[in-house]
Amino acid sequence: MSTAAVQAALLVHQARCDEHPSPGGCCITSAASSAEGRGEEASPRGCRQSACPCVQDWIGVLLLDNSYCTNENLTAPGPDRLIATGNSRDLPRLGEDLGLLPSDADARTRMTHRLASIDGATLY
């Protein structure tokens, strides 16, 4: 899915969410914001109402190969994504000690650390 298609889908979602708001605001935005603040992956739990418009628009985690590994794709707003930062032989292995993530790490370094995590490696 192209970045433009994802952004279009988000605009459609936002219009639907504004038209039929759920308690506590947009579940997708809330899940992504709270997860990011805790350094976790977003989940579609949101308000847990099956009629919530957010549920039908939840994209989930996009898994992208290293041809999508650009600073623009790593930092763009939108759905959660795991982007390979190199060829499979160059990616960190599950449990590989990459040391502590520096507080000033760039987007590529943060993604490399995420891919080495149990959740990231399992999902990717």
PDB file of N, CA and C in Angstrom:
ATOM      1  N   MET A   1       0.849  -1.161   0.000  1.00  0.00           N
ATOM      2  CA  MET A   1       0.000   0.000   0.000  1.00  0.00           C
ATOM      3  C   MET A   1       0.896   1.226   0.000  1.00  0.00           C
ATOM      4  N   SER A   2       0.629   2.154  -0.872  1.00  0.00           N
ATOM      5  CA  SER A   2       1.463   3.351  -0.959  1.00  0.00           C
ATOM      6  C   SER A   2       1.166   4.303   0.195  1.00  0.00           C
ATOM      7  N   THR A   3       2.085   5.205   0.430  1.00  0.00           N
ATOM      8  CA  THR A   3       1.892   6.198   1.477  1.00  0.00           C
ATOM      9  C   THR A   3       0.643   7.021   1.189  1.00  0.00           C
ATOM     10  N   ALA A   4       0.419   7.376  -0.086  1.00  0.00           N
ATOM     11  CA  ALA A   4      -0.764   8.161  -0.454  1.00  0.00           C
ATOM     12  C   ALA A   4      -2.048   7.385  -0.154  1.00  0.00           C
ATOM     13  N   ALA A   5      -2.047   6.072  -0.420  1.00  0.00           N
ATOM     14  CA  ALA A   5      -3.234   5.255  -0.155  1.00  0.00           C
ATOM     15  C   ALA A   5      -3.509   5.168   1.338  1.00  0.00           C
ATOM     16  N   VAL A   6      -2.460   5.036   2.137  1.00  0.00           N
ATOM     17  CA  VAL A   6      -2.626   4.986   3.591  1.00  0.00           C
ATOM     18  C   VAL A   6      -3.163   6.316   4.099  1.00  0.00           C
ATOM     19  N   GLN A   7      -2.607   7.423   3.587  1.00  0.00           N
ATOM     20  CA  GLN A   7      -3.086   8.736   4.015  1.00  0.00           C
ATOM     21  C   GLN A   7      -4.545   8.946   3.609  1.00  0.00           C
ATOM     22  N   ALA A   8      -4.934   8.477   2.422  1.00  0.00           N
ATOM     23  CA  ALA A   8      -6.329   8.579   1.993  1.00  0.00           C
ATOM     24  C   ALA A   8      -7.232   7.764   2.917  1.00  0.00           C
ATOM     25  N   ALA A   9      -6.779   6.559   3.271  1.00  0.00           N
ATOM     26  CA  ALA A   9      -7.564   5.711   4.178  1.00  0.00           C
ATOM     27  C   ALA A   9      -7.726   6.381   5.534  1.00  0.00           C
ATOM     28  N   LEU A  10      -6.689   7.063   5.990  1.00  0.00           N
ATOM     29  CA  LEU A  10      -6.776   7.766   7.270  1.00  0.00           C
ATOM     30  C   LEU A  10      -7.753   8.934   7.211  1.00  0.00           C
ATOM     31  N   LEU A  11      -7.809   9.625   6.063  1.00  0.00           N
ATOM     32  CA  LEU A  11      -8.776  10.715   5.915  1.00  0.00           C
ATOM     33  C   LEU A  11     -10.202  10.180   5.947  1.00  0.00           C
ATOM     34  N   VAL A  12     -10.427   9.049   5.274  1.00  0.00           N
ATOM     35  CA  VAL A  12     -11.751   8.421   5.293  1.00  0.00           C
ATOM     36  C   VAL A  12     -12.094   8.024   6.719  1.00  0.00           C
ATOM     37  N   HIS A  13     -11.139   7.413   7.400  1.00  0.00           N
ATOM     38  CA  HIS A  13     -11.376   7.015   8.793  1.00  0.00           C
ATOM     39  C   HIS A  13     -11.716   8.223   9.653  1.00  0.00           C
ATOM     40  N   GLN A  14     -10.929   9.281   9.530  1.00  0.00           N
ATOM     41  CA  GLN A  14     -11.157  10.457  10.370  1.00  0.00           C
ATOM     42  C   GLN A  14     -12.551  11.023  10.144  1.00  0.00           C
ATOM     43  N   ALA A  15     -13.004  11.062   8.895  1.00  0.00           N
ATOM     44  CA  ALA A  15     -14.354  11.559   8.602  1.00  0.00           C
ATOM     45  C   ALA A  15     -15.404  10.661   9.255  1.00  0.00           C
ATOM     46  N   ARG A  16     -15.201   9.342   9.156  1.00  0.00           N
ATOM     47  CA  ARG A  16     -16.147   8.396   9.760  1.00  0.00           C
ATOM     48  C   ARG A  16     -16.134   8.528  11.285  1.00  0.00           C
ATOM     49  N   CYS A  17     -14.955   8.698  11.857  1.00  0.00           N
ATOM     50  CA  CYS A  17     -14.814   8.804  13.300  1.00  0.00           C
ATOM     51  C   CYS A  17     -15.443  10.114  13.794  1.00  0.00           C
ATOM     52  N   ASP A  18     -15.284  11.189  13.026  1.00  0.00           N
ATOM     53  CA  ASP A  18     -15.883  12.472  13.403  1.00  0.00           C
ATOM     54  C   ASP A  18     -17.405  12.404  13.317  1.00  0.00           C
ATOM     55  N   GLU A  19     -17.910  11.650  12.340  1.00  0.00           N
ATOM     56  CA  GLU A  19     -19.354  11.529  12.156  1.00  0.00           C
ATOM     57  C   GLU A  19     -20.007  10.682  13.247  1.00  0.00           C
ATOM     58  N   HIS A  20     -19.323   9.645  13.703  1.00  0.00           N
ATOM     59  CA  HIS A  20     -19.841   8.742  14.741  1.00  0.00           C
ATOM     60  C   HIS A  20     -18.793   8.610  15.846  1.00  0.00           C
ATOM     61  N   PRO A  21     -18.609   9.659  16.630  1.00  0.00           N
ATOM     62  CA  PRO A  21     -17.539   9.615  17.636  1.00  0.00           C
ATOM     63  C   PRO A  21     -17.784   8.558  18.706  1.00  0.00           C
ATOM     64  N   SER A  22     -16.701   7.963  19.156  1.00  0.00           N
ATOM     65  CA  SER A  22     -16.787   6.989  20.242  1.00  0.00           C
ATOM     66  C   SER A  22     -16.324   7.655  21.526  1.00  0.00           C
ATOM     67  N   PRO A  23     -16.760   7.127  22.677  1.00  0.00           N
ATOM     68  CA  PRO A  23     -16.333   7.717  23.956  1.00  0.00           C
ATOM     69  C   PRO A  23     -14.814   7.698  24.065  1.00  0.00           C
ATOM     70  N   GLY A  24     -14.242   8.786  24.496  1.00  0.00           N
ATOM     71  CA  GLY A  24     -12.798   8.837  24.676  1.00  0.00           C
ATOM     72  C   GLY A  24     -12.038   9.199  23.416  1.00  0.00           C
ATOM     73  N   GLY A  25     -12.743   9.489  22.326  1.00  0.00           N
ATOM     74  CA  GLY A  25     -12.072   9.883  21.094  1.00  0.00           C
ATOM     75  C   GLY A  25     -11.747   8.706  20.195  1.00  0.00           C
ATOM     76  N   CYS A  26     -10.965   8.974  19.191  1.00  0.00           N
ATOM     77  CA  CYS A  26     -10.616   7.978  18.177  1.00  0.00           C
ATOM     78  C   CYS A  26      -9.777   6.863  18.792  1.00  0.00           C
ATOM     79  N   CYS A  27     -10.245   5.633  18.648  1.00  0.00           N
ATOM     80  CA  CYS A  27      -9.539   4.486  19.241  1.00  0.00           C
ATOM     81  C   CYS A  27      -8.175   4.266  18.603  1.00  0.00           C
ATOM     82  N   ILE A  28      -8.092   4.484  17.311  1.00  0.00           N
ATOM     83  CA  ILE A  28      -6.821   4.261  16.615  1.00  0.00           C
ATOM     84  C   ILE A  28      -5.804   5.288  17.083  1.00  0.00           C
ATOM     85  N   THR A  29      -6.196   6.549  17.099  1.00  0.00           N
ATOM     86  CA  THR A  29      -5.285   7.597  17.540  1.00  0.00           C
ATOM     87  C   THR A  29      -4.911   7.398  18.999  1.00  0.00           C
ATOM     88  N   SER A  30      -5.902   7.069  19.837  1.00  0.00           N
ATOM     89  CA  SER A  30      -5.638   6.857  21.261  1.00  0.00           C
ATOM     90  C   SER A  30      -4.694   5.696  21.484  1.00  0.00           C
ATOM     91  N   ALA A  31      -4.933   4.572  20.782  1.00  0.00           N
ATOM     92  CA  ALA A  31      -4.070   3.393  20.940  1.00  0.00           C
ATOM     93  C   ALA A  31      -2.652   3.700  20.486  1.00  0.00           C
ATOM     94  N   ALA A  32      -2.524   4.361  19.334  1.00  0.00           N
ATOM     95  CA  ALA A  32      -1.189   4.657  18.800  1.00  0.00           C
ATOM     96  C   ALA A  32      -0.449   5.639  19.703  1.00  0.00           C
ATOM     97  N   SER A  33      -1.139   6.681  20.172  1.00  0.00           N
ATOM     98  CA  SER A  33      -0.486   7.686  21.013  1.00  0.00           C
ATOM     99  C   SER A  33      -0.041   7.113  22.346  1.00  0.00           C
ATOM    100  N   SER A  34      -0.917   6.334  22.982  1.00  0.00           N
ATOM    101  CA  SER A  34      -0.546   5.797  24.289  1.00  0.00           C
ATOM    102  C   SER A  34       0.541   4.744  24.156  1.00  0.00           C
ATOM    103  N   ALA A  35       0.501   3.946  23.092  1.00  0.00           N
ATOM    104  CA  ALA A  35       1.530   2.926  22.888  1.00  0.00           C
ATOM    105  C   ALA A  35       2.881   3.576  22.609  1.00  0.00           C
ATOM    106  N   GLU A  36       2.866   4.618  21.783  1.00  0.00           N
ATOM    107  CA  GLU A  36       4.118   5.294  21.444  1.00  0.00           C
ATOM    108  C   GLU A  36       4.752   5.897  22.690  1.00  0.00           C
ATOM    109  N   GLY A  37       3.922   6.466  23.567  1.00  0.00           N
ATOM    110  CA  GLY A  37       4.428   7.063  24.799  1.00  0.00           C
ATOM    111  C   GLY A  37       5.073   6.044  25.714  1.00  0.00           C
ATOM    112  N   ARG A  38       4.643   4.782  25.616  1.00  0.00           N
ATOM    113  CA  ARG A  38       5.209   3.712  26.448  1.00  0.00           C
ATOM    114  C   ARG A  38       6.254   2.896  25.694  1.00  0.00           C
ATOM    115  N   GLY A  39       6.551   3.270  24.434  1.00  0.00           N
ATOM    116  CA  GLY A  39       7.520   2.524  23.640  1.00  0.00           C
ATOM    117  C   GLY A  39       6.996   1.162  23.217  1.00  0.00           C
ATOM    118  N   GLU A  40       5.672   1.032  23.065  1.00  0.00           N
ATOM    119  CA  GLU A  40       5.057  -0.242  22.699  1.00  0.00           C
ATOM    120  C   GLU A  40       4.406  -0.123  21.330  1.00  0.00           C
ATOM    121  N   GLU A  41       3.902  -1.260  20.851  1.00  0.00           N
ATOM    122  CA  GLU A  41       3.151  -1.261  19.607  1.00  0.00           C
ATOM    123  C   GLU A  41       1.695  -0.941  19.902  1.00  0.00           C
ATOM    124  N   ALA A  42       1.047  -0.276  18.953  1.00  0.00           N
ATOM    125  CA  ALA A  42      -0.368   0.051  19.116  1.00  0.00           C
ATOM    126  C   ALA A  42      -1.213  -1.203  18.929  1.00  0.00           C
ATOM    127  N   SER A  43      -2.361  -1.217  19.591  1.00  0.00           N
ATOM    128  CA  SER A  43      -3.288  -2.322  19.388  1.00  0.00           C
ATOM    129  C   SER A  43      -4.685  -1.747  19.193  1.00  0.00           C
ATOM    130  N   PRO A  44      -5.555  -2.448  18.466  1.00  0.00           N
ATOM    131  CA  PRO A  44      -6.859  -1.898  18.128  1.00  0.00           C
ATOM    132  C   PRO A  44      -7.900  -2.013  19.234  1.00  0.00           C
ATOM    133  N   ARG A  45      -7.500  -2.174  20.468  1.00  0.00           N
ATOM    134  CA  ARG A  45      -8.467  -2.360  21.541  1.00  0.00           C
ATOM    135  C   ARG A  45      -9.395  -1.172  21.679  1.00  0.00           C
ATOM    136  N   GLY A  46      -8.846   0.018  21.680  1.00  0.00           N
ATOM    137  CA  GLY A  46      -9.648   1.227  21.746  1.00  0.00           C
ATOM    138  C   GLY A  46     -10.721   1.174  22.812  1.00  0.00           C
ATOM    139  N   CYS A  47     -11.933   1.556  22.445  1.00  0.00           N
ATOM    140  CA  CYS A  47     -13.028   1.622  23.413  1.00  0.00           C
ATOM    141  C   CYS A  47     -13.709   0.272  23.591  1.00  0.00           C
ATOM    142  N   ARG A  48     -13.337  -0.730  22.827  1.00  0.00           N
ATOM    143  CA  ARG A  48     -13.859  -2.094  22.917  1.00  0.00           C
ATOM    144  C   ARG A  48     -15.327  -2.214  22.503  1.00  0.00           C
ATOM    145  N   GLN A  49     -15.856  -1.221  21.834  1.00  0.00           N
ATOM    146  CA  GLN A  49     -17.224  -1.307  21.347  1.00  0.00           C
ATOM    147  C   GLN A  49     -17.217  -1.828  19.921  1.00  0.00           C
ATOM    148  N   SER A  50     -17.963  -2.899  19.662  1.00  0.00           N
ATOM    149  CA  SER A  50     -17.956  -3.491  18.324  1.00  0.00           C
ATOM    150  C   SER A  50     -18.549  -2.553  17.281  1.00  0.00           C
ATOM    151  N   ALA A  51     -19.373  -1.588  17.695  1.00  0.00           N
ATOM    152  CA  ALA A  51     -19.973  -0.654  16.747  1.00  0.00           C
ATOM    153  C   ALA A  51     -19.078   0.558  16.492  1.00  0.00           C
ATOM    154  N   CYS A  52     -17.959   0.634  17.153  1.00  0.00           N
ATOM    155  CA  CYS A  52     -17.060   1.772  17.006  1.00  0.00           C
ATOM    156  C   CYS A  52     -16.557   1.851  15.558  1.00  0.00           C
ATOM    157  N   PRO A  53     -16.601   3.026  14.936  1.00  0.00           N
ATOM    158  CA  PRO A  53     -16.132   3.137  13.547  1.00  0.00           C
ATOM    159  C   PRO A  53     -14.637   2.858  13.417  1.00  0.00           C
ATOM    160  N   CYS A  54     -13.881   2.989  14.489  1.00  0.00           N
ATOM    161  CA  CYS A  54     -12.440   2.758  14.412  1.00  0.00           C
ATOM    162  C   CYS A  54     -12.110   1.296  14.090  1.00  0.00           C
ATOM    163  N   VAL A  55     -12.923   0.374  14.580  1.00  0.00           N
ATOM    164  CA  VAL A  55     -12.627  -1.047  14.399  1.00  0.00           C
ATOM    165  C   VAL A  55     -12.559  -1.416  12.921  1.00  0.00           C
ATOM    166  N   GLN A  56     -13.507  -0.930  12.123  1.00  0.00           N
ATOM    167  CA  GLN A  56     -13.518  -1.313  10.710  1.00  0.00           C
ATOM    168  C   GLN A  56     -12.396  -0.666   9.916  1.00  0.00           C
ATOM    169  N   ASP A  57     -11.806   0.396  10.431  1.00  0.00           N
ATOM    170  CA  ASP A  57     -10.732   1.072   9.722  1.00  0.00           C
ATOM    171  C   ASP A  57      -9.341   0.718  10.227  1.00  0.00           C
ATOM    172  N   TRP A  58      -9.257  -0.151  11.237  1.00  0.00           N
ATOM    173  CA  TRP A  58      -7.960  -0.486  11.799  1.00  0.00           C
ATOM    174  C   TRP A  58      -7.112  -1.181  10.747  1.00  0.00           C
ATOM    175  N   ILE A  59      -5.976  -0.641  10.455  1.00  0.00           N
ATOM    176  CA  ILE A  59      -5.085  -1.194   9.436  1.00  0.00           C
ATOM    177  C   ILE A  59      -4.167  -2.235  10.044  1.00  0.00           C
ATOM    178  N   GLY A  60      -3.795  -2.082  11.284  1.00  0.00           N
ATOM    179  CA  GLY A  60      -2.861  -3.009  11.904  1.00  0.00           C
ATOM    180  C   GLY A  60      -1.437  -2.579  11.643  1.00  0.00           C
ATOM    181  N   VAL A  61      -0.526  -3.505  11.742  1.00  0.00           N
ATOM    182  CA  VAL A  61       0.885  -3.210  11.531  1.00  0.00           C
ATOM    183  C   VAL A  61       1.245  -3.566  10.099  1.00  0.00           C
ATOM    184  N   LEU A  62       1.790  -2.615   9.374  1.00  0.00           N
ATOM    185  CA  LEU A  62       2.248  -2.867   8.013  1.00  0.00           C
ATOM    186  C   LEU A  62       3.655  -3.445   8.083  1.00  0.00           C
ATOM    187  N   LEU A  63       3.897  -4.525   7.360  1.00  0.00           N
ATOM    188  CA  LEU A  63       5.223  -5.143   7.298  1.00  0.00           C
ATOM    189  C   LEU A  63       5.805  -4.829   5.930  1.00  0.00           C
ATOM    190  N   LEU A  64       6.921  -4.120   5.920  1.00  0.00           N
ATOM    191  CA  LEU A  64       7.502  -3.643   4.668  1.00  0.00           C
ATOM    192  C   LEU A  64       8.955  -4.089   4.546  1.00  0.00           C
ATOM    193  N   ASP A  65       9.348  -4.423   3.316  1.00  0.00           N
ATOM    194  CA  ASP A  65      10.739  -4.828   3.108  1.00  0.00           C
ATOM    195  C   ASP A  65      11.634  -3.594   3.046  1.00  0.00           C
ATOM    196  N   ASN A  66      12.946  -3.833   2.926  1.00  0.00           N
ATOM    197  CA  ASN A  66      13.900  -2.728   3.042  1.00  0.00           C
ATOM    198  C   ASN A  66      13.838  -1.732   1.892  1.00  0.00           C
ATOM    199  N   SER A  67      13.135  -2.046   0.805  1.00  0.00           N
ATOM    200  CA  SER A  67      13.011  -1.054  -0.263  1.00  0.00           C
ATOM    201  C   SER A  67      12.155   0.130   0.188  1.00  0.00           C
ATOM    202  N   TYR A  68      11.399  -0.030   1.282  1.00  0.00           N
ATOM    203  CA  TYR A  68      10.582   1.052   1.831  1.00  0.00           C
ATOM    204  C   TYR A  68      11.287   1.791   2.966  1.00  0.00           C
ATOM    205  N   CYS A  69      12.523   1.417   3.251  1.00  0.00           N
ATOM    206  CA  CYS A  69      13.236   1.994   4.389  1.00  0.00           C
ATOM    207  C   CYS A  69      13.829   3.353   4.010  1.00  0.00           C
ATOM    208  N   THR A  70      12.977   4.363   4.076  1.00  0.00           N
ATOM    209  CA  THR A  70      13.405   5.742   3.868  1.00  0.00           C
ATOM    210  C   THR A  70      13.049   6.519   5.125  1.00  0.00           C
ATOM    211  N   ASN A  71      13.729   7.614   5.342  1.00  0.00           N
ATOM    212  CA  ASN A  71      13.425   8.430   6.508  1.00  0.00           C
ATOM    213  C   ASN A  71      11.965   8.894   6.465  1.00  0.00           C
ATOM    214  N   GLU A  72      11.462   9.198   5.268  1.00  0.00           N
ATOM    215  CA  GLU A  72      10.065   9.627   5.137  1.00  0.00           C
ATOM    216  C   GLU A  72       9.117   8.528   5.605  1.00  0.00           C
ATOM    217  N   ASN A  73       9.338   7.283   5.179  1.00  0.00           N
ATOM    218  CA  ASN A  73       8.465   6.181   5.582  1.00  0.00           C
ATOM    219  C   ASN A  73       8.632   5.821   7.057  1.00  0.00           C
ATOM    220  N   LEU A  74       9.839   5.979   7.575  1.00  0.00           N
ATOM    221  CA  LEU A  74      10.081   5.652   8.981  1.00  0.00           C
ATOM    222  C   LEU A  74       9.444   6.664   9.927  1.00  0.00           C
ATOM    223  N   THR A  75       9.261   7.894   9.464  1.00  0.00           N
ATOM    224  CA  THR A  75       8.771   8.955  10.345  1.00  0.00           C
ATOM    225  C   THR A  75       7.379   9.472   9.983  1.00  0.00           C
ATOM    226  N   ALA A  76       6.797   8.983   8.900  1.00  0.00           N
ATOM    227  CA  ALA A  76       5.485   9.473   8.455  1.00  0.00           C
ATOM    228  C   ALA A  76       4.395   9.122   9.463  1.00  0.00           C
ATOM    229  N   PRO A  77       3.413   9.998   9.601  1.00  0.00           N
ATOM    230  CA  PRO A  77       2.271   9.649  10.448  1.00  0.00           C
ATOM    231  C   PRO A  77       1.483   8.528   9.781  1.00  0.00           C
ATOM    232  N   GLY A  78       0.651   7.894  10.540  1.00  0.00           N
ATOM    233  CA  GLY A  78      -0.179   6.836   9.962  1.00  0.00           C
ATOM    234  C   GLY A  78      -0.083   5.563  10.754  1.00  0.00           C
ATOM    235  N   PRO A  79      -0.422   4.479  10.119  1.00  0.00           N
ATOM    236  CA  PRO A  79      -0.464   3.208  10.846  1.00  0.00           C
ATOM    237  C   PRO A  79       0.916   2.758  11.301  1.00  0.00           C
ATOM    238  N   ASP A  80       0.904   1.911  12.292  1.00  0.00           N
ATOM    239  CA  ASP A  80       2.135   1.325  12.796  1.00  0.00           C
ATOM    240  C   ASP A  80       2.763   0.498  11.685  1.00  0.00           C
ATOM    241  N   ARG A  81       4.075   0.483  11.603  1.00  0.00           N
ATOM    242  CA  ARG A  81       4.745  -0.284  10.560  1.00  0.00           C
ATOM    243  C   ARG A  81       6.093  -0.790  11.040  1.00  0.00           C
ATOM    244  N   LEU A  82       6.446  -1.970  10.537  1.00  0.00           N
ATOM    245  CA  LEU A  82       7.775  -2.532  10.725  1.00  0.00           C
ATOM    246  C   LEU A  82       8.424  -2.539   9.351  1.00  0.00           C
ATOM    247  N   ILE A  83       9.546  -1.870   9.240  1.00  0.00           N
ATOM    248  CA  ILE A  83      10.235  -1.759   7.956  1.00  0.00           C
ATOM    249  C   ILE A  83      11.628  -2.347   8.116  1.00  0.00           C
ATOM    250  N   ALA A  84      11.938  -3.343   7.309  1.00  0.00           N
ATOM    251  CA  ALA A  84      13.276  -3.934   7.349  1.00  0.00           C
ATOM    252  C   ALA A  84      14.297  -2.845   7.046  1.00  0.00           C
ATOM    253  N   THR A  85      15.356  -2.804   7.827  1.00  0.00           N
ATOM    254  CA  THR A  85      16.382  -1.775   7.648  1.00  0.00           C
ATOM    255  C   THR A  85      17.553  -2.273   6.812  1.00  0.00           C
ATOM    256  N   GLY A  86      17.447  -3.484   6.292  1.00  0.00           N
ATOM    257  CA  GLY A  86      18.483  -4.052   5.442  1.00  0.00           C
ATOM    258  C   GLY A  86      18.005  -5.385   4.896  1.00  0.00           C
ATOM    259  N   ASN A  87      18.877  -6.084   4.187  1.00  0.00           N
ATOM    260  CA  ASN A  87      18.549  -7.421   3.706  1.00  0.00           C
ATOM    261  C   ASN A  87      18.410  -8.369   4.893  1.00  0.00           C
ATOM    262  N   SER A  88      17.695  -9.457   4.706  1.00  0.00           N
ATOM    263  CA  SER A  88      17.444 -10.373   5.831  1.00  0.00           C
ATOM    264  C   SER A  88      18.741 -10.825   6.490  1.00  0.00           C
ATOM    265  N   ARG A  89      19.797 -11.032   5.720  1.00  0.00           N
ATOM    266  CA  ARG A  89      21.060 -11.478   6.320  1.00  0.00           C
ATOM    267  C   ARG A  89      21.703 -10.387   7.187  1.00  0.00           C
ATOM    268  N   ASP A  90      21.294  -9.127   6.955  1.00  0.00           N
ATOM    269  CA  ASP A  90      21.866  -8.006   7.694  1.00  0.00           C
ATOM    270  C   ASP A  90      21.021  -7.578   8.895  1.00  0.00           C
ATOM    271  N   LEU A  91      19.805  -8.110   9.000  1.00  0.00           N
ATOM    272  CA  LEU A  91      18.919  -7.722  10.095  1.00  0.00           C
ATOM    273  C   LEU A  91      19.380  -8.369  11.395  1.00  0.00           C
ATOM    274  N   PRO A  92      19.125  -7.702  12.509  1.00  0.00           N
ATOM    275  CA  PRO A  92      19.493  -8.299  13.798  1.00  0.00           C
ATOM    276  C   PRO A  92      18.682  -9.567  14.037  1.00  0.00           C
ATOM    277  N   ARG A  93      19.273 -10.506  14.707  1.00  0.00           N
ATOM    278  CA  ARG A  93      18.593 -11.758  15.048  1.00  0.00           C
ATOM    279  C   ARG A  93      17.841 -11.572  16.351  1.00  0.00           C
ATOM    280  N   LEU A  94      16.805 -12.354  16.532  1.00  0.00           N
ATOM    281  CA  LEU A  94      16.010 -12.294  17.754  1.00  0.00           C
ATOM    282  C   LEU A  94      16.931 -12.463  18.953  1.00  0.00           C
ATOM    283  N   GLY A  95      16.849 -11.547  19.867  1.00  0.00           N
ATOM    284  CA  GLY A  95      17.657 -11.617  21.075  1.00  0.00           C
ATOM    285  C   GLY A  95      19.066 -11.070  20.920  1.00  0.00           C
ATOM    286  N   GLU A  96      19.444 -10.651  19.717  1.00  0.00           N
ATOM    287  CA  GLU A  96      20.782 -10.103  19.517  1.00  0.00           C
ATOM    288  C   GLU A  96      20.923  -8.843  20.380  1.00  0.00           C
ATOM    289  N   ASP A  97      22.017  -8.763  21.097  1.00  0.00           N
ATOM    290  CA  ASP A  97      22.235  -7.629  21.986  1.00  0.00           C
ATOM    291  C   ASP A  97      22.706  -6.432  21.170  1.00  0.00           C
ATOM    292  N   LEU A  98      21.849  -5.467  21.025  1.00  0.00           N
ATOM    293  CA  LEU A  98      22.198  -4.248  20.301  1.00  0.00           C
ATOM    294  C   LEU A  98      22.590  -3.130  21.251  1.00  0.00           C
ATOM    295  N   GLY A  99      22.627  -3.448  22.534  1.00  0.00           N
ATOM    296  CA  GLY A  99      22.917  -2.426  23.523  1.00  0.00           C
ATOM    297  C   GLY A  99      21.681  -1.575  23.767  1.00  0.00           C
ATOM    298  N   LEU A 100      21.835  -0.578  24.594  1.00  0.00           N
ATOM    299  CA  LEU A 100      20.723   0.315  24.892  1.00  0.00           C
ATOM    300  C   LEU A 100      20.459   1.237  23.716  1.00  0.00           C
ATOM    301  N   LEU A 101      19.204   1.511  23.488  1.00  0.00           N
ATOM    302  CA  LEU A 101      18.822   2.450  22.438  1.00  0.00           C
ATOM    303  C   LEU A 101      19.176   3.854  22.911  1.00  0.00           C
ATOM    304  N   PRO A 102      20.022   4.552  22.171  1.00  0.00           N
ATOM    305  CA  PRO A 102      20.380   5.913  22.582  1.00  0.00           C
ATOM    306  C   PRO A 102      19.151   6.817  22.586  1.00  0.00           C
ATOM    307  N   SER A 103      19.105   7.746  23.509  1.00  0.00           N
ATOM    308  CA  SER A 103      17.952   8.644  23.602  1.00  0.00           C
ATOM    309  C   SER A 103      17.826   9.529  22.362  1.00  0.00           C
ATOM    310  N   ASP A 104      18.929   9.765  21.671  1.00  0.00           N
ATOM    311  CA  ASP A 104      18.890  10.599  20.470  1.00  0.00           C
ATOM    312  C   ASP A 104      18.954   9.761  19.178  1.00  0.00           C
ATOM    313  N   ALA A 105      18.538   8.496  19.255  1.00  0.00           N
ATOM    314  CA  ALA A 105      18.611   7.602  18.100  1.00  0.00           C
ATOM    315  C   ALA A 105      17.745   8.102  16.949  1.00  0.00           C
ATOM    316  N   ASP A 106      18.246   7.934  15.733  1.00  0.00           N
ATOM    317  CA  ASP A 106      17.453   8.307  14.567  1.00  0.00           C
ATOM    318  C   ASP A 106      16.415   7.219  14.285  1.00  0.00           C
ATOM    319  N   ALA A 107      15.541   7.482  13.328  1.00  0.00           N
ATOM    320  CA  ALA A 107      14.431   6.578  13.026  1.00  0.00           C
ATOM    321  C   ALA A 107      14.914   5.190  12.599  1.00  0.00           C
ATOM    322  N   ARG A 108      15.972   5.123  11.824  1.00  0.00           N
ATOM    323  CA  ARG A 108      16.496   3.826  11.353  1.00  0.00           C
ATOM    324  C   ARG A 108      17.016   2.998  12.530  1.00  0.00           C
ATOM    325  N   THR A 109      17.720   3.627  13.439  1.00  0.00           N
ATOM    326  CA  THR A 109      18.249   2.923  14.606  1.00  0.00           C
ATOM    327  C   THR A 109      17.115   2.420  15.493  1.00  0.00           C
ATOM    328  N   ARG A 110      16.096   3.267  15.703  1.00  0.00           N
ATOM    329  CA  ARG A 110      14.944   2.842  16.499  1.00  0.00           C
ATOM    330  C   ARG A 110      14.256   1.638  15.858  1.00  0.00           C
ATOM    331  N   MET A 111      14.115   1.653  14.512  1.00  0.00           N
ATOM    332  CA  MET A 111      13.475   0.537  13.819  1.00  0.00           C
ATOM    333  C   MET A 111      14.337  -0.718  13.926  1.00  0.00           C
ATOM    334  N   THR A 112      15.643  -0.601  13.815  1.00  0.00           N
ATOM    335  CA  THR A 112      16.531  -1.755  13.942  1.00  0.00           C
ATOM    336  C   THR A 112      16.385  -2.391  15.322  1.00  0.00           C
ATOM    337  N   HIS A 113      16.326  -1.572  16.356  1.00  0.00           N
ATOM    338  CA  HIS A 113      16.130  -2.087  17.715  1.00  0.00           C
ATOM    339  C   HIS A 113      14.766  -2.749  17.848  1.00  0.00           C
ATOM    340  N   ARG A 114      13.774  -2.151  17.246  1.00  0.00           N
ATOM    341  CA  ARG A 114      12.425  -2.735  17.321  1.00  0.00           C
ATOM    342  C   ARG A 114      12.373  -4.086  16.617  1.00  0.00           C
ATOM    343  N   LEU A 115      13.052  -4.203  15.478  1.00  0.00           N
ATOM    344  CA  LEU A 115      13.083  -5.477  14.754  1.00  0.00           C
ATOM    345  C   LEU A 115      13.799  -6.563  15.546  1.00  0.00           C
ATOM    346  N   ALA A 116      14.716  -6.183  16.426  1.00  0.00           N
ATOM    347  CA  ALA A 116      15.450  -7.147  17.240  1.00  0.00           C
ATOM    348  C   ALA A 116      14.680  -7.549  18.494  1.00  0.00           C
ATOM    349  N   SER A 117      13.605  -6.826  18.810  1.00  0.00           N
ATOM    350  CA  SER A 117      12.816  -7.163  19.992  1.00  0.00           C
ATOM    351  C   SER A 117      12.020  -8.446  19.743  1.00  0.00           C
ATOM    352  N   ILE A 118      11.582  -9.085  20.796  1.00  0.00           N
ATOM    353  CA  ILE A 118      10.791 -10.313  20.652  1.00  0.00           C
ATOM    354  C   ILE A 118       9.531 -10.032  19.854  1.00  0.00           C
ATOM    355  N   ASP A 119       8.801  -8.964  20.208  1.00  0.00           N
ATOM    356  CA  ASP A 119       7.564  -8.639  19.486  1.00  0.00           C
ATOM    357  C   ASP A 119       7.841  -8.303  18.027  1.00  0.00           C
ATOM    358  N   GLY A 120       8.848  -7.476  17.788  1.00  0.00           N
ATOM    359  CA  GLY A 120       9.173  -7.066  16.419  1.00  0.00           C
ATOM    360  C   GLY A 120       9.621  -8.227  15.556  1.00  0.00           C
ATOM    361  N   ALA A 121      10.517  -9.058  16.068  1.00  0.00           N
ATOM    362  CA  ALA A 121      11.027 -10.202  15.298  1.00  0.00           C
ATOM    363  C   ALA A 121       9.916 -11.226  15.049  1.00  0.00           C
ATOM    364  N   THR A 122       9.062 -11.442  16.032  1.00  0.00           N
ATOM    365  CA  THR A 122       7.967 -12.393  15.867  1.00  0.00           C
ATOM    366  C   THR A 122       6.988 -11.923  14.811  1.00  0.00           C
ATOM    367  N   LEU A 123       6.631 -10.657  14.873  1.00  0.00           N
ATOM    368  CA  LEU A 123       5.673 -10.101  13.916  1.00  0.00           C
ATOM    369  C   LEU A 123       6.255 -10.045  12.523  1.00  0.00           C
ATOM    370  N   TYR A 124       7.523  -9.615  12.399  1.00  0.00           N
ATOM    371  CA  TYR A 124       8.104  -9.477  11.074  1.00  0.00           C
ATOM    372  C   TYR A 124       8.409 -10.838  10.482  1.00  0.00           C
TER     373      TYR A 124
END
